[in-house]
PDB file of all heavy atoms in Angstrom:
ATOM      1  N   LEU A   1      91.411  94.020  74.876  1.00  0.00           N
ATOM      2  CA  LEU A   1      91.658  93.721  76.290  1.00  0.00           C
ATOM      3  C   LEU A   1      93.114  93.999  76.652  1.00  0.00           C
ATOM      4  O   LEU A   1      93.395  94.583  77.705  1.00  0.00           O
ATOM      5  CB  LEU A   1      91.299  92.274  76.620  1.00  0.00           C
ATOM      6  CG  LEU A   1      91.505  91.852  78.074  1.00  0.00           C
ATOM      7  CD1 LEU A   1      90.756  92.773  79.035  1.00  0.00           C
ATOM      8  CD2 LEU A   1      91.091  90.418  78.290  1.00  0.00           C
ATOM      9  N   LEU A   2      94.028  93.589  75.802  1.00  0.00           N
ATOM     10  CA  LEU A   2      95.442  93.831  76.081  1.00  0.00           C
ATOM     11  C   LEU A   2      95.744  95.330  76.142  1.00  0.00           C
ATOM     12  O   LEU A   2      96.637  95.751  76.888  1.00  0.00           O
ATOM     13  CB  LEU A   2      96.314  93.141  75.029  1.00  0.00           C
ATOM     14  CG  LEU A   2      96.235  91.605  75.042  1.00  0.00           C
ATOM     15  CD1 LEU A   2      97.027  91.031  73.881  1.00  0.00           C
ATOM     16  CD2 LEU A   2      96.686  91.021  76.371  1.00  0.00           C
ATOM     17  N   PHE A   3      94.980  96.137  75.399  1.00  0.00           N
ATOM     18  CA  PHE A   3      95.149  97.586  75.431  1.00  0.00           C
ATOM     19  C   PHE A   3      94.726  98.171  76.779  1.00  0.00           C
ATOM     20  O   PHE A   3      95.369  99.081  77.300  1.00  0.00           O
ATOM     21  CB  PHE A   3      94.344  98.231  74.294  1.00  0.00           C
ATOM     22  CG  PHE A   3      94.456  99.723  74.257  1.00  0.00           C
ATOM     23  CD1 PHE A   3      95.592 100.332  73.745  1.00  0.00           C
ATOM     24  CD2 PHE A   3      93.429 100.524  74.739  1.00  0.00           C
ATOM     25  CE1 PHE A   3      95.704 101.723  73.711  1.00  0.00           C
ATOM     26  CE2 PHE A   3      93.528 101.906  74.713  1.00  0.00           C
ATOM     27  CZ  PHE A   3      94.668 102.512  74.198  1.00  0.00           C
ATOM     28  N   VAL A   4      93.629  97.652  77.379  1.00  0.00           N
ATOM     29  CA  VAL A   4      93.151  98.193  78.661  1.00  0.00           C
ATOM     30  C   VAL A   4      93.798  97.520  79.870  1.00  0.00           C
ATOM     31  O   VAL A   4      93.670  98.011  80.984  1.00  0.00           O
ATOM     32  CB  VAL A   4      91.608  98.126  78.792  1.00  0.00           C
ATOM     33  CG1 VAL A   4      90.925  98.918  77.709  1.00  0.00           C
ATOM     34  CG2 VAL A   4      91.106  96.707  78.842  1.00  0.00           C
ATOM     35  N   LEU A   5      94.514  96.417  79.648  1.00  0.00           N
ATOM     36  CA  LEU A   5      95.128  95.685  80.756  1.00  0.00           C
ATOM     37  C   LEU A   5      96.028  96.560  81.627  1.00  0.00           C
ATOM     38  O   LEU A   5      95.938  96.476  82.865  1.00  0.00           O
ATOM     39  CB  LEU A   5      95.889  94.462  80.243  1.00  0.00           C
ATOM     40  CG  LEU A   5      96.551  93.592  81.302  1.00  0.00           C
ATOM     41  CD1 LEU A   5      95.513  93.015  82.268  1.00  0.00           C
ATOM     42  CD2 LEU A   5      97.350  92.477  80.634  1.00  0.00           C
ATOM     43  N   PRO A   6      96.882  97.417  81.069  1.00  0.00           N
ATOM     44  CA  PRO A   6      97.706  98.265  81.941  1.00  0.00           C
ATOM     45  C   PRO A   6      96.871  99.146  82.876  1.00  0.00           C
ATOM     46  O   PRO A   6      97.246  99.354  84.026  1.00  0.00           O
ATOM     47  CB  PRO A   6      98.515  99.114  80.952  1.00  0.00           C
ATOM     48  CG  PRO A   6      98.581  98.287  79.718  1.00  0.00           C
ATOM     49  CD  PRO A   6      97.254  97.571  79.657  1.00  0.00           C
ATOM     50  N   LYS A   7      95.735  99.635  82.402  1.00  0.00           N
ATOM     51  CA  LYS A   7      94.875 100.447  83.256  1.00  0.00           C
ATOM     52  C   LYS A   7      94.265  99.596  84.369  1.00  0.00           C
ATOM     53  O   LYS A   7      94.192 100.024  85.517  1.00  0.00           O
ATOM     54  CB  LYS A   7      93.775 101.129  82.449  1.00  0.00           C
ATOM     55  CG  LYS A   7      92.940 102.061  83.289  1.00  0.00           C
ATOM     56  CD  LYS A   7      91.977 102.880  82.467  1.00  0.00           C
ATOM     57  CE  LYS A   7      91.214 103.838  83.382  1.00  0.00           C
ATOM     58  NZ  LYS A   7      90.273 104.659  82.642  1.00  0.00           N
ATOM     59  N   VAL A   8      93.841  98.382  84.042  1.00  0.00           N
ATOM     60  CA  VAL A   8      93.289  97.465  85.048  1.00  0.00           C
ATOM     61  C   VAL A   8      94.344  97.190  86.118  1.00  0.00           C
ATOM     62  O   VAL A   8      94.059  97.242  87.319  1.00  0.00           O
ATOM     63  CB  VAL A   8      92.796  96.152  84.394  1.00  0.00           C
ATOM     64  CG1 VAL A   8      92.419  95.123  85.444  1.00  0.00           C
ATOM     65  CG2 VAL A   8      91.618  96.424  83.465  1.00  0.00           C
ATOM     66  N   LYS A   9      95.570  96.933  85.684  1.00  0.00           N
ATOM     67  CA  LYS A   9      96.656  96.673  86.638  1.00  0.00           C
ATOM     68  C   LYS A   9      96.987  97.917  87.463  1.00  0.00           C
ATOM     69  O   LYS A   9      97.277  97.810  88.654  1.00  0.00           O
ATOM     70  CB  LYS A   9      97.895  96.169  85.901  1.00  0.00           C
ATOM     71  CG  LYS A   9      97.754  94.753  85.394  1.00  0.00           C
ATOM     72  CD  LYS A   9      99.035  94.283  84.727  1.00  0.00           C
ATOM     73  CE  LYS A   9      98.962  92.822  84.352  1.00  0.00           C
ATOM     74  NZ  LYS A   9     100.223  92.349  83.756  1.00  0.00           N
ATOM     75  N   ALA A  10      96.919  99.084  86.828  1.00  0.00           N
ATOM     76  CA  ALA A  10      97.208 100.332  87.552  1.00  0.00           C
ATOM     77  C   ALA A  10      96.158 100.589  88.630  1.00  0.00           C
ATOM     78  O   ALA A  10      96.492 101.028  89.737  1.00  0.00           O
ATOM     79  CB  ALA A  10      97.273 101.506  86.582  1.00  0.00           C
ATOM     80  N   VAL A  11      94.900 100.319  88.323  1.00  0.00           N
ATOM     81  CA  VAL A  11      93.837 100.489  89.311  1.00  0.00           C
ATOM     82  C   VAL A  11      94.053  99.524  90.470  1.00  0.00           C
ATOM     83  O   VAL A  11      93.896  99.897  91.637  1.00  0.00           O
ATOM     84  CB  VAL A  11      92.447 100.298  88.659  1.00  0.00           C
ATOM     85  CG1 VAL A  11      91.350 100.197  89.700  1.00  0.00           C
ATOM     86  CG2 VAL A  11      92.154 101.444  87.686  1.00  0.00           C
ATOM     87  N   THR A  12      94.447  98.305  90.171  1.00  0.00           N
ATOM     88  CA  THR A  12      94.750  97.317  91.216  1.00  0.00           C
ATOM     89  C   THR A  12      95.898  97.799  92.092  1.00  0.00           C
ATOM     90  O   THR A  12      95.817  97.734  93.327  1.00  0.00           O
ATOM     91  CB  THR A  12      95.104  95.957  90.584  1.00  0.00           C
ATOM     92  OG1 THR A  12      93.996  95.503  89.821  1.00  0.00           O
ATOM     93  CG2 THR A  12      95.453  94.921  91.635  1.00  0.00           C
ATOM     94  N   ALA A  13      96.955  98.275  91.461  1.00  0.00           N
ATOM     95  CA  ALA A  13      98.114  98.760  92.214  1.00  0.00           C
ATOM     96  C   ALA A  13      97.743  99.952  93.087  1.00  0.00           C
ATOM     97  O   ALA A  13      98.182 100.046  94.243  1.00  0.00           O
ATOM     98  CB  ALA A  13      99.246  99.129  91.252  1.00  0.00           C
ATOM     99  N   GLU A  14      96.931 100.861  92.544  1.00  0.00           N
ATOM    100  CA  GLU A  14      96.504 102.019  93.336  1.00  0.00           C
ATOM    101  C   GLU A  14      95.703 101.569  94.554  1.00  0.00           C
ATOM    102  O   GLU A  14      95.929 102.040  95.672  1.00  0.00           O
ATOM    103  CB  GLU A  14      95.672 102.987  92.487  1.00  0.00           C
ATOM    104  CG  GLU A  14      95.206 104.205  93.272  1.00  0.00           C
ATOM    105  CD  GLU A  14      94.317 105.147  92.476  1.00  0.00           C
ATOM    106  OE1 GLU A  14      94.076 104.924  91.274  1.00  0.00           O
ATOM    107  OE2 GLU A  14      93.839 106.123  93.096  1.00  0.00           O
ATOM    108  N   TRP A  15      94.764 100.657  94.342  1.00  0.00           N
ATOM    109  CA  TRP A  15      93.957 100.149  95.459  1.00  0.00           C
ATOM    110  C   TRP A  15      94.860  99.517  96.518  1.00  0.00           C
ATOM    111  O   TRP A  15      94.741  99.816  97.711  1.00  0.00           O
ATOM    112  CB  TRP A  15      92.916  99.138  94.987  1.00  0.00           C
ATOM    113  CG  TRP A  15      92.197  98.501  96.126  1.00  0.00           C
ATOM    114  CD1 TRP A  15      92.444  97.273  96.669  1.00  0.00           C
ATOM    115  CD2 TRP A  15      91.149  99.076  96.920  1.00  0.00           C
ATOM    116  NE1 TRP A  15      91.607  97.042  97.733  1.00  0.00           N
ATOM    117  CE2 TRP A  15      90.801  98.135  97.902  1.00  0.00           C
ATOM    118  CE3 TRP A  15      90.474 100.289  96.881  1.00  0.00           C
ATOM    119  CZ2 TRP A  15      89.804  98.370  98.843  1.00  0.00           C
ATOM    120  CZ3 TRP A  15      89.474 100.519  97.825  1.00  0.00           C
ATOM    121  CH2 TRP A  15      89.149  99.565  98.785  1.00  0.00           C
ATOM    122  N   ASN A  16      95.757  98.635  96.070  1.00  0.00           N
ATOM    123  CA  ASN A  16      96.633  97.933  97.013  1.00  0.00           C
ATOM    124  C   ASN A  16      97.501  98.911  97.799  1.00  0.00           C
ATOM    125  O   ASN A  16      97.707  98.733  99.006  1.00  0.00           O
ATOM    126  CB  ASN A  16      97.495  96.908  96.281  1.00  0.00           C
ATOM    127  CG  ASN A  16      96.694  95.733  95.788  1.00  0.00           C
ATOM    128  OD1 ASN A  16      95.576  95.481  96.235  1.00  0.00           O
ATOM    129  ND2 ASN A  16      97.241  95.014  94.828  1.00  0.00           N
ATOM    130  N   SER A  17      97.975  99.926  97.138  1.00  0.00           N
ATOM    131  CA  SER A  17      98.798 100.928  97.809  1.00  0.00           C
ATOM    132  C   SER A  17      97.984 101.726  98.826  1.00  0.00           C
ATOM    133  O   SER A  17      98.413 101.921  99.969  1.00  0.00           O
ATOM    134  CB  SER A  17      99.403 101.869  96.771  1.00  0.00           C
ATOM    135  OG  SER A  17     100.081 102.921  97.402  1.00  0.00           O
ATOM    136  N   ARG A  18      96.814 102.159  98.413  1.00  0.00           N
ATOM    137  CA  ARG A  18      96.007 103.000  99.288  1.00  0.00           C
ATOM    138  C   ARG A  18      95.450 102.236 100.486  1.00  0.00           C
ATOM    139  O   ARG A  18      95.382 102.770 101.589  1.00  0.00           O
ATOM    140  CB  ARG A  18      94.887 103.657  98.486  1.00  0.00           C
ATOM    141  CG  ARG A  18      95.457 104.688  97.497  1.00  0.00           C
ATOM    142  CD  ARG A  18      94.395 105.362  96.705  1.00  0.00           C
ATOM    143  NE  ARG A  18      93.591 106.227  97.578  1.00  0.00           N
ATOM    144  CZ  ARG A  18      92.535 106.906  97.134  1.00  0.00           C
ATOM    145  NH1 ARG A  18      92.172 106.833  95.870  1.00  0.00           N
ATOM    146  NH2 ARG A  18      91.852 107.660  97.956  1.00  0.00           N
ATOM    147  N   ILE A  19      95.082 100.988 100.276  1.00  0.00           N
ATOM    148  CA  ILE A  19      94.501 100.224 101.388  1.00  0.00           C
ATOM    149  C   ILE A  19      95.568  99.845 102.416  1.00  0.00           C
ATOM    150  O   ILE A  19      95.272  99.642 103.589  1.00  0.00           O
ATOM    151  CB  ILE A  19      93.719  98.986 100.895  1.00  0.00           C
ATOM    152  CG1 ILE A  19      92.832  98.463 102.021  1.00  0.00           C
ATOM    153  CG2 ILE A  19      94.647  97.916 100.373  1.00  0.00           C
ATOM    154  CD1 ILE A  19      91.802  97.481 101.585  1.00  0.00           C
ATOM    155  N   ALA A  20      96.824  99.787 101.965  1.00  0.00           N
ATOM    156  CA  ALA A  20      97.914  99.432 102.874  1.00  0.00           C
ATOM    157  C   ALA A  20      98.577 100.661 103.495  1.00  0.00           C
ATOM    158  O   ALA A  20      99.556 100.520 104.238  1.00  0.00           O
ATOM    159  CB  ALA A  20      98.957  98.599 102.138  1.00  0.00           C
ATOM    160  N   ASP A  21      98.028 101.840 103.228  1.00  0.00           N
ATOM    161  CA  ASP A  21      98.606 103.075 103.752  1.00  0.00           C
ATOM    162  C   ASP A  21      98.693 103.017 105.276  1.00  0.00           C
ATOM    163  O   ASP A  21      97.735 102.668 105.960  1.00  0.00           O
ATOM    164  CB  ASP A  21      97.750 104.266 103.318  1.00  0.00           C
ATOM    165  CG  ASP A  21      98.386 105.591 103.677  1.00  0.00           C
ATOM    166  OD1 ASP A  21      99.602 105.731 103.477  1.00  0.00           O
ATOM    167  OD2 ASP A  21      97.664 106.483 104.177  1.00  0.00           O
ATOM    168  N   GLY A  22      99.871 103.315 105.810  1.00  0.00           N
ATOM    169  CA  GLY A  22     100.060 103.342 107.254  1.00  0.00           C
ATOM    170  C   GLY A  22     100.376 101.986 107.869  1.00  0.00           C
ATOM    171  O   GLY A  22     100.514 101.875 109.081  1.00  0.00           O
ATOM    172  N   ILE A  23     100.484 100.962 107.044  1.00  0.00           N
ATOM    173  CA  ILE A  23     100.800  99.618 107.541  1.00  0.00           C
ATOM    174  C   ILE A  23     102.250  99.321 107.175  1.00  0.00           C
ATOM    175  O   ILE A  23     102.648  99.478 106.022  1.00  0.00           O
ATOM    176  CB  ILE A  23      99.850  98.565 106.935  1.00  0.00           C
ATOM    177  CG1 ILE A  23      98.393  98.912 107.277  1.00  0.00           C
ATOM    178  CG2 ILE A  23     100.205  97.169 107.433  1.00  0.00           C
ATOM    179  CD1 ILE A  23      97.372  98.052 106.567  1.00  0.00           C
ATOM    180  N   SER A  24     103.036  98.898 108.152  1.00  0.00           N
ATOM    181  CA  SER A  24     104.461  98.643 107.906  1.00  0.00           C
ATOM    182  C   SER A  24     104.647  97.473 106.945  1.00  0.00           C
ATOM    183  O   SER A  24     103.781  96.606 106.814  1.00  0.00           O
ATOM    184  CB  SER A  24     105.182  98.341 109.224  1.00  0.00           C
ATOM    185  OG  SER A  24     104.814  97.057 109.698  1.00  0.00           O
ATOM    186  N   LYS A  25     105.818  97.462 106.306  1.00  0.00           N
ATOM    187  CA  LYS A  25     106.146  96.361 105.399  1.00  0.00           C
ATOM    188  C   LYS A  25     106.162  95.031 106.138  1.00  0.00           C
ATOM    189  O   LYS A  25     105.763  94.003 105.598  1.00  0.00           O
ATOM    190  CB  LYS A  25     107.491  96.623 104.717  1.00  0.00           C
ATOM    191  CG  LYS A  25     107.442  97.723 103.692  1.00  0.00           C
ATOM    192  CD  LYS A  25     108.769  97.904 102.992  1.00  0.00           C
ATOM    193  CE  LYS A  25     108.648  99.056 101.992  1.00  0.00           C
ATOM    194  NZ  LYS A  25     109.839  99.214 101.193  1.00  0.00           N
ATOM    195  N   GLU A  26     106.625  95.062 107.378  1.00  0.00           N
ATOM    196  CA  GLU A  26     106.677  93.838 108.179  1.00  0.00           C
ATOM    197  C   GLU A  26     105.270  93.317 108.455  1.00  0.00           C
ATOM    198  O   GLU A  26     105.004  92.113 108.328  1.00  0.00           O
ATOM    199  CB  GLU A  26     107.417  94.078 109.499  1.00  0.00           C
ATOM    200  CG  GLU A  26     108.886  94.410 109.343  1.00  0.00           C
ATOM    201  CD  GLU A  26     109.155  95.882 108.966  1.00  0.00           C
ATOM    202  OE1 GLU A  26     108.241  96.736 109.076  1.00  0.00           O
ATOM    203  OE2 GLU A  26     110.282  96.159 108.525  1.00  0.00           O
ATOM    204  N   ASP A  27     104.362  94.226 108.846  1.00  0.00           N
ATOM    205  CA  ASP A  27     102.979  93.814 109.098  1.00  0.00           C
ATOM    206  C   ASP A  27     102.315  93.300 107.824  1.00  0.00           C
ATOM    207  O   ASP A  27     101.550  92.328 107.849  1.00  0.00           O
ATOM    208  CB  ASP A  27     102.160  94.968 109.684  1.00  0.00           C
ATOM    209  CG  ASP A  27     102.485  95.234 111.147  1.00  0.00           C
ATOM    210  OD1 ASP A  27     103.154  94.385 111.778  1.00  0.00           O
ATOM    211  OD2 ASP A  27     102.068  96.300 111.655  1.00  0.00           O
ATOM    212  N   MET A  28     102.611  93.942 106.690  1.00  0.00           N
ATOM    213  CA  MET A  28     102.039  93.483 105.419  1.00  0.00           C
ATOM    214  C   MET A  28     102.566  92.096 105.053  1.00  0.00           C
ATOM    215  O   MET A  28     101.819  91.266 104.533  1.00  0.00           O
ATOM    216  CB  MET A  28     102.331  94.475 104.290  1.00  0.00           C
ATOM    217  CG  MET A  28     101.450  95.706 104.300  1.00  0.00           C
ATOM    218  SD  MET A  28      99.664  95.362 104.274  1.00  0.00           S
ATOM    219  CE  MET A  28      99.480  94.507 102.718  1.00  0.00           C
ATOM    220  N   ALA A  29     103.836  91.843 105.340  1.00  0.00           N
ATOM    221  CA  ALA A  29     104.404  90.526 105.052  1.00  0.00           C
ATOM    222  C   ALA A  29     103.708  89.453 105.876  1.00  0.00           C
ATOM    223  O   ALA A  29     103.367  88.380 105.356  1.00  0.00           O
ATOM    224  CB  ALA A  29     105.910  90.517 105.316  1.00  0.00           C
ATOM    225  N   VAL A  30     103.471  89.736 107.152  1.00  0.00           N
ATOM    226  CA  VAL A  30     102.760  88.784 108.014  1.00  0.00           C
ATOM    227  C   VAL A  30     101.335  88.602 107.506  1.00  0.00           C
ATOM    228  O   VAL A  30     100.849  87.467 107.365  1.00  0.00           O
ATOM    229  CB  VAL A  30     102.763  89.263 109.490  1.00  0.00           C
ATOM    230  CG1 VAL A  30     101.823  88.418 110.344  1.00  0.00           C
ATOM    231  CG2 VAL A  30     104.181  89.236 110.050  1.00  0.00           C
ATOM    232  N   PHE A  31     100.660  89.701 107.210  1.00  0.00           N
ATOM    233  CA  PHE A  31      99.290  89.629 106.707  1.00  0.00           C
ATOM    234  C   PHE A  31      99.223  88.793 105.425  1.00  0.00           C
ATOM    235  O   PHE A  31      98.363  87.917 105.293  1.00  0.00           O
ATOM    236  CB  PHE A  31      98.735  91.035 106.444  1.00  0.00           C
ATOM    237  CG  PHE A  31      97.403  91.026 105.745  1.00  0.00           C
ATOM    238  CD1 PHE A  31      96.247  90.734 106.445  1.00  0.00           C
ATOM    239  CD2 PHE A  31      97.323  91.289 104.384  1.00  0.00           C
ATOM    240  CE1 PHE A  31      95.024  90.703 105.797  1.00  0.00           C
ATOM    241  CE2 PHE A  31      96.099  91.264 103.731  1.00  0.00           C
ATOM    242  CZ  PHE A  31      94.951  90.971 104.444  1.00  0.00           C
ATOM    243  N   ASN A  32     100.122  89.082 104.474  1.00  0.00           N
ATOM    244  CA  ASN A  32     100.114  88.343 103.204  1.00  0.00           C
ATOM    245  C   ASN A  32     100.354  86.856 103.415  1.00  0.00           C
ATOM    246  O   ASN A  32      99.735  86.019 102.749  1.00  0.00           O
ATOM    247  CB  ASN A  32     101.134  88.931 102.228  1.00  0.00           C
ATOM    248  CG  ASN A  32     100.677  90.251 101.670  1.00  0.00           C
ATOM    249  OD1 ASN A  32      99.485  90.515 101.529  1.00  0.00           O
ATOM    250  ND2 ASN A  32     101.630  91.111 101.346  1.00  0.00           N
ATOM    251  N   SER A  33     101.213  86.519 104.353  1.00  0.00           N
ATOM    252  CA  SER A  33     101.475  85.113 104.665  1.00  0.00           C
ATOM    253  C   SER A  33     100.233  84.445 105.255  1.00  0.00           C
ATOM    254  O   SER A  33      99.858  83.346 104.850  1.00  0.00           O
ATOM    255  CB  SER A  33     102.647  85.015 105.641  1.00  0.00           C
ATOM    256  OG  SER A  33     102.851  83.687 106.045  1.00  0.00           O
TER     257      SER A  33
END
């Protein structure tokens, strides 16, 4: 599991980046709050 964990985290990071595409950092901060 520890061996595949970086890939799991990378997939999460990719999803988070792609879904937030075109959304300002300020809007994301409000959304996250």
